[in-house]
């Protein structure tokens, strides 16, 4: 049986963050519990992480995940140092980037902050002379697909009924951006 540890953290009341003032930074490990509190159930865990945390997701497991040498974890922090966005780049030996585990604080979703965050990650990849960025998203997640398309990603493959999430099989869309 898969277990997800649920952390109860009230979301901070935010003055709407000024998107232009947000800066990409390395993910501070002391924000792990806040990040994990955004994942409320098994389905959300799979939508966020695929099979990465198949058995269990808790602070210890996540911090061990961050020890991987090929992962670059990023965040946006608000004016009061609260976590607003999280995402990872996994660097391949061919100097390609895989964008993974992007998530925005639930109360700030669909505000444009995620698009700004991904744009900053793309800029970082450019400074690192990456060749391309690849990502996977679920076919039914149209808001994410539209966001990625608006940033220059194109859909390269559709894997039908790729993963069972809850009781439903979901399509997986592979997207790519050459940089």
Foldseek 3Di string as FASTA:
>chain_A
DADEDAADDDDDDDDPFDLVPWDKDFDDLVQQNVVSNQQHDQLSCCQQAPCPRVHYDDSVSVVVVVPDPQKGKIFTAGPVRHTAWIWIWGADPQQATEIHRIDGRVVCPPVCNSLSNVVNVVVVSVVVVGFKYKYKHWPVPVVVVVSVVVVPKDWDDKAFQPDQRPNDRIIMTMIMHGD
